[in-house]
Each structure stands twice: as structure tokens, then as C-alpha cells.
Amino acid sequence: MTMIQDVNNHVKITFLTEKGFDKLKNELEYLRGVRRQEIAFNLHEAVDDNDLVENDEYMLIKNEQALVEGRISELELLLGHVEIIQPGSDLGKVRLGSTITVQEDTYPSETYTIVGTAEADSRNGFISDESPLGRALMKNKVGDVVEVNAPDGKIRYKILSVT
């Protein structure tokens, strides 16, 4: 989930739902506060325990600190370039924030919400507008059939509902 710049070095806006924004904001607050304090305490304990040159625990904590600081930087950049997906309709067309029910042939229907890449979680029904299925669904409406290229060939989905 890194911030991406296009070929012209323009910062790419990250699209998030209000819930996704709050989740990342809470993660950032936790890392800045609680997690930094935990790491500082653990570093202090490791320094007091042994010679730092041969202290594996110290090195593990320093590595963890680097990962946490990297994540903090990533979240700060990401949250500094966010556009919140506003609910609403676009004349029944699929757009960011839409919840869509689709059906492939005779298989059971599936429901997805179209979100930005930072919030995508296909296991929980959130697909990116940049994923193959998300891209195919965008700007279509109920009754349309979209095709998605898959490793085994093209898959056709019929759009059953858009909210």
C-alpha cells in the first residue's frame, strides 16, 4: 500500500471509504502512540540486559522499530493524499463506493463493494476499481454483462444489482 506517482511525478490520489479512512487513521494513531512507546520500553530493557554487540533481542527490536516507522511514514503519505468516496448514485452505474451483485453463468451470485486499492480486501467483498473485475464493472449498470480475462479464459458476469 505505497503511495504511487505517475510518470509525470504527480501523486496518485488514494480513494477510501469513510470507514477505510477511519481504520487507517486509527492504525496511524496506535503506531505513533502505543506501539512507539512499547518499542522504546523494549529497547531500554534490551540495552540494560546485555552487551549490544551480541544482543539478538536488541537487533530484533531495532528491526521491528524500523518496520513500524516505515509503516507510519507510509500511512502519513497515504492519508495526506486521500479522497473520501462519497455515497450516491450515478444514474445506476457502477462507481467507486457502489455495492454490486453479479452472477457468473449458473453459479451463486456474489456481492462486492468497489473501493480504492488501499482498501481492497476481496475475501471480505471489497474489490479495487483497478482489479480486473472492478475495472470491467465500472460505469456499467444492472443487466449489463461484463467480461473479465482470467488465466482459464474469459469469464462473463451479469450485473444483478447496483446500490
Protein backbone atom coordinates (compact mmCIF):
# COMPACT_ATOMS: atom_id res chain seq x y z
CA MET A 1 0.00 0.00 0.00
CA THR A 2 2.61 2.51 -1.00
CA MET A 3 1.87 5.88 -2.47
CA ILE A 4 2.24 5.73 -6.22
CA GLN A 5 3.32 8.50 -8.53
CA ASP A 6 2.54 8.53 -12.23
CA VAL A 7 5.11 9.01 -14.99
CA ASN A 8 4.79 12.79 -14.65
CA ASN A 9 5.63 12.54 -10.92
CA HIS A 10 2.10 13.52 -9.91
CA VAL A 11 0.94 11.99 -6.64
CA LYS A 12 -1.79 9.44 -7.13
CA ILE A 13 -4.85 10.10 -5.00
CA THR A 14 -5.93 7.20 -2.80
CA PHE A 15 -9.68 6.59 -2.72
CA LEU A 16 -11.09 5.37 0.59
CA THR A 17 -14.50 4.94 2.13
CA GLU A 18 -15.09 6.84 5.36
CA LYS A 19 -14.75 3.54 7.25
CA GLY A 20 -11.46 2.72 5.49
CA PHE A 21 -10.10 6.20 6.22
CA ASP A 22 -11.00 5.87 9.91
CA LYS A 23 -9.36 2.42 10.07
CA LEU A 24 -6.07 3.71 8.65
CA LYS A 25 -6.19 6.86 10.80
CA ASN A 26 -6.69 4.72 13.92
CA GLU A 27 -3.81 2.47 12.89
CA LEU A 28 -1.57 5.52 12.50
CA GLU A 29 -2.55 6.87 15.92
CA TYR A 30 -1.89 3.47 17.51
CA LEU A 31 1.54 3.15 15.87
CA ARG A 32 2.55 6.72 16.80
CA GLY A 33 1.44 6.34 20.39
CA VAL A 34 1.13 2.89 21.92
CA ARG A 35 3.43 0.97 19.58
CA ARG A 36 6.27 3.52 19.70
CA GLN A 37 6.13 3.51 23.50
CA GLU A 38 6.21 -0.29 23.62
CA ILE A 39 9.24 -0.39 21.34
CA ALA A 40 11.04 2.32 23.33
CA PHE A 41 10.46 0.38 26.55
CA ASN A 42 11.66 -2.88 24.95
CA LEU A 43 14.78 -1.15 23.59
CA HIS A 44 15.56 0.27 27.01
CA GLU A 45 15.18 -3.19 28.58
CA ALA A 46 17.40 -4.80 25.93
CA VAL A 47 20.11 -2.17 26.41
CA ASP A 48 20.09 -2.75 30.15
CA ASP A 49 20.28 -6.53 29.75
CA ASN A 50 23.39 -7.17 27.65
CA ASP A 51 26.30 -6.06 25.56
CA LEU A 52 24.65 -4.51 22.45
CA VAL A 53 27.13 -6.08 20.02
CA GLU A 54 25.88 -9.60 20.74
CA ASN A 55 22.33 -8.79 21.76
CA ASP A 56 19.95 -10.55 19.34
CA GLU A 57 16.92 -9.25 21.20
CA TYR A 58 18.14 -5.69 20.71
CA MET A 59 18.60 -6.27 16.97
CA LEU A 60 15.11 -7.77 16.64
CA ILE A 61 13.59 -4.78 18.42
CA LYS A 62 15.54 -2.35 16.21
CA ASN A 63 14.24 -4.18 13.12
CA GLU A 64 10.70 -4.00 14.48
CA GLN A 65 11.18 -0.30 15.15
CA ALA A 66 12.28 0.24 11.54
CA LEU A 67 9.19 -1.60 10.26
CA VAL A 68 6.86 0.45 12.49
CA GLU A 69 8.50 3.73 11.47
CA GLY A 70 8.23 2.71 7.81
CA ARG A 71 4.54 1.96 8.22
CA ILE A 72 4.00 5.29 9.98
CA SER A 73 5.65 7.11 7.06
CA GLU A 74 3.59 5.14 4.57
CA LEU A 75 0.33 5.93 6.36
CA GLU A 76 1.20 9.63 6.71
CA LEU A 77 1.83 9.89 2.96
CA LEU A 78 -1.25 7.87 2.11
CA LEU A 79 -3.58 9.82 4.41
CA GLY A 80 -2.16 13.09 3.12
CA HIS A 81 -3.44 12.31 -0.38
CA VAL A 82 -6.88 10.79 0.21
CA GLU A 83 -10.21 11.40 -1.41
CA ILE A 84 -13.16 10.02 0.53
CA ILE A 85 -15.59 8.05 -1.64
CA GLN A 86 -18.93 9.79 -1.36
CA PRO A 87 -22.02 7.60 -1.38
CA GLY A 88 -24.56 8.35 -4.05
CA SER A 89 -25.73 7.16 -7.37
CA ASP A 90 -24.51 7.83 -10.87
CA LEU A 91 -27.78 7.01 -12.60
CA GLY A 92 -27.47 3.36 -11.51
CA LYS A 93 -23.98 2.94 -12.91
CA VAL A 94 -21.16 1.18 -11.05
CA ARG A 95 -18.73 3.64 -9.47
CA LEU A 96 -16.36 3.84 -6.53
CA GLY A 97 -18.37 3.01 -3.42
CA SER A 98 -21.04 1.03 -5.29
CA THR A 99 -22.12 -2.33 -3.97
CA ILE A 100 -22.73 -4.69 -6.85
CA THR A 101 -24.25 -8.14 -7.06
CA VAL A 102 -23.01 -10.17 -10.03
CA GLN A 103 -23.53 -13.69 -11.28
CA GLU A 104 -21.28 -15.88 -13.39
CA ASP A 105 -23.29 -18.34 -15.50
CA THR A 106 -25.19 -20.68 -13.17
CA TYR A 107 -23.01 -20.11 -10.11
CA PRO A 108 -24.43 -18.43 -7.00
CA SER A 109 -24.41 -14.64 -7.12
CA GLU A 110 -21.63 -12.69 -5.40
CA THR A 111 -21.71 -9.21 -3.90
CA TYR A 112 -18.79 -6.78 -3.92
CA THR A 113 -18.17 -3.18 -2.98
CA ILE A 114 -15.90 -1.20 -5.32
CA VAL A 115 -13.18 0.60 -3.36
CA GLY A 116 -9.73 2.08 -3.97
CA THR A 117 -6.67 -0.16 -3.95
CA ALA A 118 -5.66 0.76 -0.39
CA GLU A 119 -8.91 -0.65 0.98
CA ALA A 120 -9.32 -3.71 -1.26
CA ASP A 121 -9.97 -6.98 0.57
CA SER A 122 -11.56 -9.49 -1.79
CA ARG A 123 -12.08 -12.09 0.95
CA ASN A 124 -14.46 -9.66 2.61
CA GLY A 125 -16.14 -8.45 -0.56
CA PHE A 126 -14.15 -5.26 -1.21
CA ILE A 127 -12.57 -5.18 -4.66
CA SER A 128 -10.39 -2.49 -6.15
CA ASP A 129 -11.57 -0.36 -9.04
CA GLU A 130 -8.20 -1.27 -10.59
CA SER A 131 -8.64 -5.06 -10.30
CA PRO A 132 -9.70 -6.87 -13.48
CA LEU A 133 -13.27 -7.38 -12.24
CA GLY A 134 -13.52 -3.90 -10.72
CA ARG A 135 -12.26 -2.28 -13.91
CA ALA A 136 -14.72 -4.31 -16.02
CA LEU A 137 -17.67 -3.37 -13.79
CA MET A 138 -17.03 0.39 -13.66
CA LYS A 139 -19.66 2.56 -15.40
CA ASN A 140 -21.87 -0.42 -16.24
CA LYS A 141 -25.42 -0.87 -14.96
CA VAL A 142 -27.94 -3.53 -13.94
CA GLY A 143 -28.47 -6.06 -16.72
CA ASP A 144 -25.10 -5.43 -18.38
CA VAL A 145 -22.78 -8.37 -18.93
CA VAL A 146 -19.05 -7.74 -18.50
CA GLU A 147 -16.13 -9.93 -19.48
CA VAL A 148 -13.01 -10.42 -17.39
CA ASN A 149 -9.85 -12.04 -18.70
CA ALA A 150 -8.78 -14.87 -16.40
CA PRO A 151 -5.99 -17.46 -16.70
CA ASP A 152 -8.51 -20.04 -17.90
CA GLY A 153 -10.14 -17.67 -20.41
CA LYS A 154 -12.84 -15.03 -20.31
CA ILE A 155 -15.38 -15.02 -17.52
CA ARG A 156 -18.72 -13.31 -18.06
CA TYR A 157 -20.57 -11.66 -15.18
CA LYS A 158 -24.10 -10.31 -15.31
CA ILE A 159 -24.78 -7.31 -13.07
CA LEU A 160 -27.86 -8.10 -10.97
CA SER A 161 -27.93 -5.02 -8.74
CA VAL A 162 -26.07 -1.76 -8.09
CA THR A 163 -26.51 0.30 -4.92
